């Protein structure tokens, strides 16, 4: 059975607290394991979940501030120690190549992991699509507005069609002929559209440190799940703007306007203890879908298909 869920490893911004580890998120998507923004302590947090180093196939860094990257050396060394046999692709802002190189080899170790570097130079498709048909989704990057170069990520599954057994039976299509019909689009005068219905692909987006900007809206549009920073409550909106962050109210408005189905708030400032206040602000902003104020070590399933 395919698994599609978000494993939350840490939810703190800038400074960890007694309840919150630094950032770290793993999206399990069928056979892929995408690690986003591994902050300090990520590999230890993984030990408290069922996510192993062998599960990781991609690493996506939004930017190079320490609370989003200082766990990277430990994760890479862990993968080498465990003998991960497959290639792991790393995406990160190209302007931070020097920082990536330093983190990649922060200390001496027996380096065996096949880590492919795929720096992000600008907005657009960075994996999948026509150039990589073997990747079962399209991964895109969009520019964000922070104090240093930052990108958000969006995963899109291709739209397909769901076959309707009763319609197939009515037209005498069965067995291997079903596959032929899907391949050709028509078989013995029966068109694919007559015996199937559209099946929208799922969409996931990951948005970290940023002010409101065009990239935030583009990433969020039509998502089944949006993981988004909400560092501050709206009473501190001016501080959020100056420091390059979002409030929970802003995140809620973005999600409501974009038609997001499940909103996951995270990256909470250490000045706040009660995360229910973040959820309340997102609701006050008009978001009516499923809402999670993330907690460390929780698992959040991607919503079932519409």
C-alpha atoms as a PDB file:
ATOM      1  CA  UNK A   1       0.000   0.000   0.000  1.00  0.00           C
ATOM      2  CA  UNK A   2       1.371   3.424  -0.912  1.00  0.00           C
ATOM      3  CA  UNK A   3       2.007   5.825   1.962  1.00  0.00           C
ATOM      4  CA  UNK A   4       1.655   9.570   1.638  1.00  0.00           C
ATOM      5  CA  UNK A   5       2.192  11.454   4.864  1.00  0.00           C
ATOM      6  CA  UNK A   6       4.220  14.184   6.502  1.00  0.00           C
ATOM      7  CA  UNK A   7       6.447  13.221   9.418  1.00  0.00           C
ATOM      8  CA  UNK A   8       7.195  16.263  11.577  1.00  0.00           C
ATOM      9  CA  UNK A   9      10.627  16.080  13.223  1.00  0.00           C
ATOM     10  CA  UNK A  10      10.824  19.624  14.590  1.00  0.00           C
ATOM     11  CA  UNK A  11       8.757  22.806  14.689  1.00  0.00           C
ATOM     12  CA  UNK A  12      10.947  25.493  16.292  1.00  0.00           C
ATOM     13  CA  UNK A  13      12.168  28.643  14.593  1.00  0.00           C
ATOM     14  CA  UNK A  14      15.662  29.990  15.238  1.00  0.00           C
ATOM     15  CA  UNK A  15      15.992  28.638  18.798  1.00  0.00           C
ATOM     16  CA  UNK A  16      14.811  25.194  19.955  1.00  0.00           C
ATOM     17  CA  UNK A  17      12.764  24.918  23.147  1.00  0.00           C
ATOM     18  CA  UNK A  18      12.123  22.143  25.659  1.00  0.00           C
ATOM     19  CA  UNK A  19       9.086  21.112  23.589  1.00  0.00           C
ATOM     20  CA  UNK A  20      10.287  21.910  20.077  1.00  0.00           C
ATOM     21  CA  UNK A  21      13.291  20.686  18.165  1.00  0.00           C
ATOM     22  CA  UNK A  22      14.736  22.673  15.300  1.00  0.00           C
ATOM     23  CA  UNK A  23      13.061  22.258  11.900  1.00  0.00           C
ATOM     24  CA  UNK A  24      12.868  18.933  10.115  1.00  0.00           C
ATOM     25  CA  UNK A  25      10.150  17.383   7.955  1.00  0.00           C
ATOM     26  CA  UNK A  26       9.985  14.188   5.912  1.00  0.00           C
ATOM     27  CA  UNK A  27       7.378  13.769   3.197  1.00  0.00           C
ATOM     28  CA  UNK A  28       6.776  10.088   2.535  1.00  0.00           C
ATOM     29  CA  UNK A  29       5.287   9.822  -0.947  1.00  0.00           C
ATOM     30  CA  UNK A  30       4.860   6.246  -2.118  1.00  0.00           C
ATOM     31  CA  UNK A  31       8.476   5.106  -2.489  1.00  0.00           C
ATOM     32  CA  UNK A  32      10.059   8.529  -2.054  1.00  0.00           C
ATOM     33  CA  UNK A  33      11.256  10.125   1.179  1.00  0.00           C
ATOM     34  CA  UNK A  34      11.890  13.860   0.877  1.00  0.00           C
ATOM     35  CA  UNK A  35      13.677  15.512   3.803  1.00  0.00           C
ATOM     36  CA  UNK A  36      12.962  19.242   4.080  1.00  0.00           C
ATOM     37  CA  UNK A  37      15.117  21.687   6.052  1.00  0.00           C
ATOM     38  CA  UNK A  38      16.999  19.404   8.464  1.00  0.00           C
ATOM     39  CA  UNK A  39      17.826  21.575  11.461  1.00  0.00           C
ATOM     40  CA  UNK A  40      20.057  20.618  14.360  1.00  0.00           C
ATOM     41  CA  UNK A  41      19.061  17.312  15.942  1.00  0.00           C
ATOM     42  CA  UNK A  42      17.281  15.918  12.889  1.00  0.00           C
ATOM     43  CA  UNK A  43      18.941  12.496  12.893  1.00  0.00           C
ATOM     44  CA  UNK A  44      18.107  12.027  16.584  1.00  0.00           C
ATOM     45  CA  UNK A  45      14.483  13.007  15.975  1.00  0.00           C
ATOM     46  CA  UNK A  46      14.332  10.418  13.185  1.00  0.00           C
ATOM     47  CA  UNK A  47      15.173   7.740  15.762  1.00  0.00           C
ATOM     48  CA  UNK A  48      11.886   8.545  17.512  1.00  0.00           C
ATOM     49  CA  UNK A  49       9.939   7.819  14.308  1.00  0.00           C
ATOM     50  CA  UNK A  50       9.815   4.982  11.813  1.00  0.00           C
ATOM     51  CA  UNK A  51      11.770   7.046   9.251  1.00  0.00           C
ATOM     52  CA  UNK A  52      15.203   5.553   8.573  1.00  0.00           C
ATOM     53  CA  UNK A  53      18.155   6.885   6.609  1.00  0.00           C
ATOM     54  CA  UNK A  54      17.358   4.316   3.881  1.00  0.00           C
ATOM     55  CA  UNK A  55      13.958   5.976   3.374  1.00  0.00           C
ATOM     56  CA  UNK A  56      15.462   9.265   2.216  1.00  0.00           C
ATOM     57  CA  UNK A  57      15.711   9.815  -1.526  1.00  0.00           C
ATOM     58  CA  UNK A  58      15.773  13.624  -1.703  1.00  0.00           C
ATOM     59  CA  UNK A  59      16.821  16.566   0.458  1.00  0.00           C
ATOM     60  CA  UNK A  60      15.299  20.010  -0.102  1.00  0.00           C
ATOM     61  CA  UNK A  61      16.751  23.073   1.613  1.00  0.00           C
ATOM     62  CA  UNK A  62      14.750  26.294   1.413  1.00  0.00           C
ATOM     63  CA  UNK A  63      17.688  28.474   2.517  1.00  0.00           C
ATOM     64  CA  UNK A  64      20.911  28.312   4.512  1.00  0.00           C
ATOM     65  CA  UNK A  65      20.011  29.722   7.912  1.00  0.00           C
ATOM     66  CA  UNK A  66      21.223  27.364  10.632  1.00  0.00           C
ATOM     67  CA  UNK A  67      17.847  26.331  12.020  1.00  0.00           C
ATOM     68  CA  UNK A  68      17.108  24.841   8.588  1.00  0.00           C
ATOM     69  CA  UNK A  69      20.468  23.256   7.751  1.00  0.00           C
ATOM     70  CA  UNK A  70      22.682  22.459  10.752  1.00  0.00           C
ATOM     71  CA  UNK A  71      21.340  18.920  10.900  1.00  0.00           C
ATOM     72  CA  UNK A  72      22.504  18.191   7.355  1.00  0.00           C
ATOM     73  CA  UNK A  73      26.041  16.977   8.230  1.00  0.00           C
ATOM     74  CA  UNK A  74      24.694  14.419  10.688  1.00  0.00           C
ATOM     75  CA  UNK A  75      22.058  13.150   8.261  1.00  0.00           C
ATOM     76  CA  UNK A  76      24.608  12.704   5.463  1.00  0.00           C
ATOM     77  CA  UNK A  77      27.044  10.928   7.757  1.00  0.00           C
ATOM     78  CA  UNK A  78      24.206   8.737   9.050  1.00  0.00           C
ATOM     79  CA  UNK A  79      23.337   7.718   5.492  1.00  0.00           C
ATOM     80  CA  UNK A  80      26.966   6.790   4.847  1.00  0.00           C
ATOM     81  CA  UNK A  81      27.215   4.845   8.107  1.00  0.00           C
ATOM     82  CA  UNK A  82      24.047   2.921   7.256  1.00  0.00           C
ATOM     83  CA  UNK A  83      25.265   2.217   3.733  1.00  0.00           C
ATOM     84  CA  UNK A  84      22.327   3.762   1.876  1.00  0.00           C
ATOM     85  CA  UNK A  85      22.672   2.116  -1.559  1.00  0.00           C
ATOM     86  CA  UNK A  86      20.613   4.457  -3.724  1.00  0.00           C
ATOM     87  CA  UNK A  87      21.313   7.921  -5.048  1.00  0.00           C
ATOM     88  CA  UNK A  88      20.025  10.825  -2.964  1.00  0.00           C
ATOM     89  CA  UNK A  89      19.404  14.160  -4.690  1.00  0.00           C
ATOM     90  CA  UNK A  90      19.934  17.453  -2.856  1.00  0.00           C
ATOM     91  CA  UNK A  91      18.151  20.647  -3.925  1.00  0.00           C
ATOM     92  CA  UNK A  92      19.171  24.019  -2.427  1.00  0.00           C
ATOM     93  CA  UNK A  93      19.642  27.649  -3.490  1.00  0.00           C
ATOM     94  CA  UNK A  94      22.590  27.784  -5.864  1.00  0.00           C
ATOM     95  CA  UNK A  95      23.832  31.005  -4.271  1.00  0.00           C
ATOM     96  CA  UNK A  96      24.586  28.987  -1.120  1.00  0.00           C
ATOM     97  CA  UNK A  97      26.885  26.461  -2.824  1.00  0.00           C
ATOM     98  CA  UNK A  98      29.770  27.389  -0.515  1.00  0.00           C
ATOM     99  CA  UNK A  99      27.628  26.734   2.549  1.00  0.00           C
ATOM    100  CA  UNK A 100      26.417  23.424   1.146  1.00  0.00           C
ATOM    101  CA  UNK A 101      29.995  22.310   0.535  1.00  0.00           C
ATOM    102  CA  UNK A 102      30.913  23.181   4.113  1.00  0.00           C
ATOM    103  CA  UNK A 103      27.927  21.311   5.534  1.00  0.00           C
ATOM    104  CA  UNK A 104      28.484  18.354   3.203  1.00  0.00           C
ATOM    105  CA  UNK A 105      31.952  17.774   4.635  1.00  0.00           C
ATOM    106  CA  UNK A 106      31.719  19.530   7.994  1.00  0.00           C
ATOM    107  CA  UNK A 107      33.865  16.816   9.605  1.00  0.00           C
ATOM    108  CA  UNK A 108      35.940  13.902   8.301  1.00  0.00           C
ATOM    109  CA  UNK A 109      34.014  10.645   7.783  1.00  0.00           C
ATOM    110  CA  UNK A 110      33.967   7.622   5.506  1.00  0.00           C
ATOM    111  CA  UNK A 111      31.820   9.110   2.742  1.00  0.00           C
ATOM    112  CA  UNK A 112      29.965   6.448   0.791  1.00  0.00           C
ATOM    113  CA  UNK A 113      26.568   8.015   0.043  1.00  0.00           C
ATOM    114  CA  UNK A 114      25.821   8.816  -3.601  1.00  0.00           C
ATOM    115  CA  UNK A 115      24.672  12.403  -3.080  1.00  0.00           C
ATOM    116  CA  UNK A 116      23.760  14.192  -6.303  1.00  0.00           C
ATOM    117  CA  UNK A 117      23.854  17.957  -6.017  1.00  0.00           C
ATOM    118  CA  UNK A 118      21.087  19.751  -7.913  1.00  0.00           C
ATOM    119  CA  UNK A 119      21.261  23.435  -6.925  1.00  0.00           C
ATOM    120  CA  UNK A 120      18.225  25.600  -7.664  1.00  0.00           C
ATOM    121  CA  UNK A 121      19.104  28.575  -9.850  1.00  0.00           C
ATOM    122  CA  UNK A 122      15.629  30.019 -10.264  1.00  0.00           C
ATOM    123  CA  UNK A 123      11.913  29.284 -10.352  1.00  0.00           C
ATOM    124  CA  UNK A 124      10.663  26.332 -12.367  1.00  0.00           C
ATOM    125  CA  UNK A 125      10.675  22.556 -12.571  1.00  0.00           C
ATOM    126  CA  UNK A 126      13.665  21.002 -10.803  1.00  0.00           C
ATOM    127  CA  UNK A 127      12.730  17.297 -10.983  1.00  0.00           C
ATOM    128  CA  UNK A 128      10.343  15.126 -12.971  1.00  0.00           C
ATOM    129  CA  UNK A 129       8.473  16.290 -16.016  1.00  0.00           C
ATOM    130  CA  UNK A 130       9.504  15.553 -19.584  1.00  0.00           C
ATOM    131  CA  UNK A 131      13.221  15.485 -18.742  1.00  0.00           C
ATOM    132  CA  UNK A 132      12.820  12.847 -16.012  1.00  0.00           C
ATOM    133  CA  UNK A 133       9.823  10.667 -16.909  1.00  0.00           C
ATOM    134  CA  UNK A 134      10.922   8.058 -14.364  1.00  0.00           C
ATOM    135  CA  UNK A 135      10.064  10.477 -11.522  1.00  0.00           C
ATOM    136  CA  UNK A 136       6.347   9.974 -10.724  1.00  0.00           C
ATOM    137  CA  UNK A 137       5.730  13.653  -9.950  1.00  0.00           C
ATOM    138  CA  UNK A 138       6.901  17.130 -10.841  1.00  0.00           C
ATOM    139  CA  UNK A 139       8.914  19.066  -8.257  1.00  0.00           C
ATOM    140  CA  UNK A 140       8.999  22.818  -8.711  1.00  0.00           C
ATOM    141  CA  UNK A 141      10.730  25.682  -6.894  1.00  0.00           C
ATOM    142  CA  UNK A 142       9.530  29.253  -6.412  1.00  0.00           C
ATOM    143  CA  UNK A 143      11.407  32.236  -5.034  1.00  0.00           C
ATOM    144  CA  UNK A 144      10.475  33.460  -1.569  1.00  0.00           C
ATOM    145  CA  UNK A 145      11.152  36.783   0.162  1.00  0.00           C
ATOM    146  CA  UNK A 146      13.480  36.349   3.116  1.00  0.00           C
ATOM    147  CA  UNK A 147      16.672  38.016   4.303  1.00  0.00           C
ATOM    148  CA  UNK A 148      18.775  35.703   2.127  1.00  0.00           C
ATOM    149  CA  UNK A 149      17.978  33.720  -1.025  1.00  0.00           C
ATOM    150  CA  UNK A 150      15.185  31.258  -0.335  1.00  0.00           C
ATOM    151  CA  UNK A 151      12.967  28.914  -2.339  1.00  0.00           C
ATOM    152  CA  UNK A 152       9.771  27.039  -1.584  1.00  0.00           C
ATOM    153  CA  UNK A 153       8.922  23.676  -3.126  1.00  0.00           C
ATOM    154  CA  UNK A 154       5.800  22.230  -4.721  1.00  0.00           C
ATOM    155  CA  UNK A 155       5.172  18.595  -5.627  1.00  0.00           C
ATOM    156  CA  UNK A 156       2.520  17.867  -8.251  1.00  0.00           C
ATOM    157  CA  UNK A 157       1.271  14.444  -9.253  1.00  0.00           C
ATOM    158  CA  UNK A 158       0.071  14.195 -12.880  1.00  0.00           C
ATOM    159  CA  UNK A 159      -3.662  14.082 -13.470  1.00  0.00           C
ATOM    160  CA  UNK A 160      -4.927  10.676 -14.589  1.00  0.00           C
ATOM    161  CA  UNK A 161      -8.251   8.942 -15.197  1.00  0.00           C
ATOM    162  CA  UNK A 162     -10.051   6.431 -12.998  1.00  0.00           C
ATOM    163  CA  UNK A 163     -11.610   3.502 -14.835  1.00  0.00           C
ATOM    164  CA  UNK A 164     -15.315   2.839 -14.116  1.00  0.00           C
ATOM    165  CA  UNK A 165     -15.957  -0.943 -13.885  1.00  0.00           C
ATOM    166  CA  UNK A 166     -19.668  -0.692 -14.637  1.00  0.00           C
ATOM    167  CA  UNK A 167     -19.041   1.363 -17.780  1.00  0.00           C
ATOM    168  CA  UNK A 168     -16.333  -1.055 -18.913  1.00  0.00           C
ATOM    169  CA  UNK A 169     -18.702  -4.001 -18.413  1.00  0.00           C
ATOM    170  CA  UNK A 170     -21.468  -2.305 -20.403  1.00  0.00           C
ATOM    171  CA  UNK A 171     -19.136  -1.971 -23.378  1.00  0.00           C
ATOM    172  CA  UNK A 172     -17.564  -5.398 -23.067  1.00  0.00           C
ATOM    173  CA  UNK A 173     -14.076  -4.202 -22.148  1.00  0.00           C
ATOM    174  CA  UNK A 174     -12.211  -6.459 -19.698  1.00  0.00           C
ATOM    175  CA  UNK A 175      -8.836  -8.021 -18.893  1.00  0.00           C
ATOM    176  CA  UNK A 176      -5.854  -6.875 -20.985  1.00  0.00           C
ATOM    177  CA  UNK A 177      -8.170  -4.793 -23.164  1.00  0.00           C
ATOM    178  CA  UNK A 178      -8.511  -2.290 -20.311  1.00  0.00           C
ATOM    179  CA  UNK A 179      -4.792  -1.559 -20.502  1.00  0.00           C
ATOM    180  CA  UNK A 180      -4.926  -1.280 -24.279  1.00  0.00           C
ATOM    181  CA  UNK A 181      -7.766   1.211 -24.028  1.00  0.00           C
ATOM    182  CA  UNK A 182      -5.800   3.305 -21.528  1.00  0.00           C
ATOM    183  CA  UNK A 183      -2.763   3.207 -23.795  1.00  0.00           C
ATOM    184  CA  UNK A 184      -4.511   3.967 -27.079  1.00  0.00           C
ATOM    185  CA  UNK A 185      -7.389   6.133 -25.894  1.00  0.00           C
ATOM    186  CA  UNK A 186      -9.863   4.140 -28.036  1.00  0.00           C
ATOM    187  CA  UNK A 187     -10.577   0.451 -28.592  1.00  0.00           C
ATOM    188  CA  UNK A 188     -13.233  -1.137 -30.830  1.00  0.00           C
ATOM    189  CA  UNK A 189     -15.122   2.140 -31.039  1.00  0.00           C
ATOM    190  CA  UNK A 190     -15.055   2.754 -27.264  1.00  0.00           C
ATOM    191  CA  UNK A 191     -13.344   5.963 -26.188  1.00  0.00           C
ATOM    192  CA  UNK A 192     -11.459   6.203 -22.903  1.00  0.00           C
ATOM    193  CA  UNK A 193     -13.584   9.188 -21.816  1.00  0.00           C
ATOM    194  CA  UNK A 194     -16.735   7.037 -22.015  1.00  0.00           C
ATOM    195  CA  UNK A 195     -15.567   4.499 -19.435  1.00  0.00           C
ATOM    196  CA  UNK A 196     -13.510   6.615 -17.060  1.00  0.00           C
ATOM    197  CA  UNK A 197     -13.538   9.867 -15.130  1.00  0.00           C
ATOM    198  CA  UNK A 198     -10.845  12.478 -14.382  1.00  0.00           C
ATOM    199  CA  UNK A 199      -8.656  11.766 -11.355  1.00  0.00           C
ATOM    200  CA  UNK A 200      -6.831  14.873 -10.189  1.00  0.00           C
ATOM    201  CA  UNK A 201      -3.243  14.388  -9.087  1.00  0.00           C
ATOM    202  CA  UNK A 202      -2.386  15.389  -5.542  1.00  0.00           C
ATOM    203  CA  UNK A 203      -0.432  18.519  -4.723  1.00  0.00           C
ATOM    204  CA  UNK A 204       1.866  19.334  -1.802  1.00  0.00           C
ATOM    205  CA  UNK A 205       3.781  22.526  -1.028  1.00  0.00           C
ATOM    206  CA  UNK A 206       6.446  23.464   1.495  1.00  0.00           C
ATOM    207  CA  UNK A 207       6.880  27.144   2.350  1.00  0.00           C
ATOM    208  CA  UNK A 208       9.375  28.300   4.944  1.00  0.00           C
ATOM    209  CA  UNK A 209      10.938  31.624   5.940  1.00  0.00           C
ATOM    210  CA  UNK A 210       9.337  34.325   3.826  1.00  0.00           C
ATOM    211  CA  UNK A 211       7.250  37.447   3.768  1.00  0.00           C
ATOM    212  CA  UNK A 212       4.095  37.444   1.677  1.00  0.00           C
ATOM    213  CA  UNK A 213       5.145  37.387  -1.963  1.00  0.00           C
ATOM    214  CA  UNK A 214       4.025  36.020  -5.324  1.00  0.00           C
ATOM    215  CA  UNK A 215       5.910  32.760  -4.754  1.00  0.00           C
ATOM    216  CA  UNK A 216       3.878  31.961  -1.638  1.00  0.00           C
ATOM    217  CA  UNK A 217       0.601  32.218  -3.540  1.00  0.00           C
ATOM    218  CA  UNK A 218       1.899  30.209  -6.507  1.00  0.00           C
ATOM    219  CA  UNK A 219       3.128  27.397  -4.277  1.00  0.00           C
ATOM    220  CA  UNK A 220      -0.095  27.198  -2.267  1.00  0.00           C
ATOM    221  CA  UNK A 221      -2.577  27.223  -5.149  1.00  0.00           C
ATOM    222  CA  UNK A 222      -4.871  24.169  -5.121  1.00  0.00           C
ATOM    223  CA  UNK A 223      -2.749  22.153  -2.694  1.00  0.00           C
ATOM    224  CA  UNK A 224      -4.045  19.095  -0.911  1.00  0.00           C
ATOM    225  CA  UNK A 225      -1.513  19.863   1.826  1.00  0.00           C
ATOM    226  CA  UNK A 226       0.354  23.103   2.493  1.00  0.00           C
ATOM    227  CA  UNK A 227       3.133  23.120   5.099  1.00  0.00           C
ATOM    228  CA  UNK A 228       3.838  26.767   5.860  1.00  0.00           C
ATOM    229  CA  UNK A 229       5.737  28.770   8.407  1.00  0.00           C
ATOM    230  CA  UNK A 230       3.733  30.885  10.856  1.00  0.00           C
ATOM    231  CA  UNK A 231       6.536  32.202  13.019  1.00  0.00           C
ATOM    232  CA  UNK A 232       4.522  34.996  14.634  1.00  0.00           C
ATOM    233  CA  UNK A 233       1.019  35.825  15.778  1.00  0.00           C
ATOM    234  CA  UNK A 234      -0.560  38.781  14.008  1.00  0.00           C
ATOM    235  CA  UNK A 235       0.001  41.160  16.915  1.00  0.00           C
ATOM    236  CA  UNK A 236       3.658  40.941  15.876  1.00  0.00           C
ATOM    237  CA  UNK A 237       3.015  41.446  12.147  1.00  0.00           C
ATOM    238  CA  UNK A 238       5.471  44.339  11.937  1.00  0.00           C
ATOM    239  CA  UNK A 239       8.232  42.195  13.429  1.00  0.00           C
ATOM    240  CA  UNK A 240       7.333  39.419  11.003  1.00  0.00           C
ATOM    241  CA  UNK A 241       7.703  41.756   8.034  1.00  0.00           C
ATOM    242  CA  UNK A 242      11.047  43.131   9.197  1.00  0.00           C
ATOM    243  CA  UNK A 243      12.501  39.668   9.876  1.00  0.00           C
ATOM    244  CA  UNK A 244      11.112  38.110   6.704  1.00  0.00           C
ATOM    245  CA  UNK A 245       8.426  35.857   8.168  1.00  0.00           C
ATOM    246  CA  UNK A 246       4.684  35.170   8.106  1.00  0.00           C
ATOM    247  CA  UNK A 247       2.029  35.356  10.783  1.00  0.00           C
ATOM    248  CA  UNK A 248      -0.531  32.615  11.355  1.00  0.00           C
ATOM    249  CA  UNK A 249      -3.242  34.993  10.129  1.00  0.00           C
ATOM    250  CA  UNK A 250      -1.380  35.580   6.856  1.00  0.00           C
ATOM    251  CA  UNK A 251      -0.833  31.834   6.402  1.00  0.00           C
ATOM    252  CA  UNK A 252      -4.550  31.233   6.965  1.00  0.00           C
ATOM    253  CA  UNK A 253      -5.549  33.854   4.400  1.00  0.00           C
ATOM    254  CA  UNK A 254      -3.161  32.408   1.824  1.00  0.00           C
ATOM    255  CA  UNK A 255      -4.533  28.905   2.370  1.00  0.00           C
ATOM    256  CA  UNK A 256      -8.146  30.044   2.240  1.00  0.00           C
ATOM    257  CA  UNK A 257      -7.630  31.956  -0.992  1.00  0.00           C
ATOM    258  CA  UNK A 258      -5.681  29.115  -2.594  1.00  0.00           C
ATOM    259  CA  UNK A 259      -8.253  26.414  -1.848  1.00  0.00           C
ATOM    260  CA  UNK A 260      -5.884  24.390   0.346  1.00  0.00           C
ATOM    261  CA  UNK A 261      -7.451  21.251   1.817  1.00  0.00           C
ATOM    262  CA  UNK A 262      -5.092  20.631   4.758  1.00  0.00           C
ATOM    263  CA  UNK A 263      -3.066  23.471   6.258  1.00  0.00           C
ATOM    264  CA  UNK A 264      -0.075  22.603   8.463  1.00  0.00           C
ATOM    265  CA  UNK A 265       1.306  25.517  10.492  1.00  0.00           C
ATOM    266  CA  UNK A 266       4.834  25.274  11.884  1.00  0.00           C
ATOM    267  CA  UNK A 267       8.136  27.125  12.589  1.00  0.00           C
ATOM    268  CA  UNK A 268       6.867  28.755  15.785  1.00  0.00           C
ATOM    269  CA  UNK A 269       8.834  31.454  17.579  1.00  0.00           C
ATOM    270  CA  UNK A 270      10.080  30.570  21.060  1.00  0.00           C
ATOM    271  CA  UNK A 271       8.155  33.548  22.440  1.00  0.00           C
ATOM    272  CA  UNK A 272       4.902  31.573  22.160  1.00  0.00           C
ATOM    273  CA  UNK A 273       4.023  28.478  24.160  1.00  0.00           C
ATOM    274  CA  UNK A 274       0.414  27.825  23.115  1.00  0.00           C
ATOM    275  CA  UNK A 275       0.218  26.739  19.461  1.00  0.00           C
ATOM    276  CA  UNK A 276      -3.592  26.667  19.587  1.00  0.00           C
ATOM    277  CA  UNK A 277      -3.395  30.456  19.221  1.00  0.00           C
ATOM    278  CA  UNK A 278      -1.854  29.977  15.768  1.00  0.00           C
ATOM    279  CA  UNK A 279      -4.679  27.673  14.719  1.00  0.00           C
ATOM    280  CA  UNK A 280      -7.256  30.166  16.006  1.00  0.00           C
ATOM    281  CA  UNK A 281      -5.702  32.984  13.977  1.00  0.00           C
ATOM    282  CA  UNK A 282      -5.677  30.912  10.799  1.00  0.00           C
ATOM    283  CA  UNK A 283      -9.368  30.164  11.353  1.00  0.00           C
ATOM    284  CA  UNK A 284     -10.066  33.851  11.960  1.00  0.00           C
ATOM    285  CA  UNK A 285      -8.439  34.551   8.597  1.00  0.00           C
ATOM    286  CA  UNK A 286     -11.133  32.462   6.899  1.00  0.00           C
ATOM    287  CA  UNK A 287      -9.502  29.064   6.472  1.00  0.00           C
ATOM    288  CA  UNK A 288     -12.166  26.345   6.770  1.00  0.00           C
ATOM    289  CA  UNK A 289     -10.312  23.188   5.714  1.00  0.00           C
ATOM    290  CA  UNK A 290      -8.442  20.706   7.869  1.00  0.00           C
ATOM    291  CA  UNK A 291      -5.897  22.489  10.046  1.00  0.00           C
ATOM    292  CA  UNK A 292      -2.920  21.210  12.040  1.00  0.00           C
ATOM    293  CA  UNK A 293      -0.701  23.277  14.328  1.00  0.00           C
ATOM    294  CA  UNK A 294       2.257  20.926  14.045  1.00  0.00           C
ATOM    295  CA  UNK A 295       3.903  19.266  17.024  1.00  0.00           C
ATOM    296  CA  UNK A 296       7.223  17.448  17.068  1.00  0.00           C
ATOM    297  CA  UNK A 297       7.117  13.744  16.100  1.00  0.00           C
ATOM    298  CA  UNK A 298       3.568  13.825  14.748  1.00  0.00           C
ATOM    299  CA  UNK A 299       2.511  12.219  11.464  1.00  0.00           C
ATOM    300  CA  UNK A 300       0.049  14.041   9.235  1.00  0.00           C
ATOM    301  CA  UNK A 301      -1.554  12.020   6.410  1.00  0.00           C
ATOM    302  CA  UNK A 302      -1.929  13.688   3.035  1.00  0.00           C
ATOM    303  CA  UNK A 303      -5.699  13.990   2.425  1.00  0.00           C
ATOM    304  CA  UNK A 304      -7.298  11.266   0.373  1.00  0.00           C
ATOM    305  CA  UNK A 305      -8.040  12.111  -3.220  1.00  0.00           C
ATOM    306  CA  UNK A 306     -11.009  14.346  -3.858  1.00  0.00           C
END
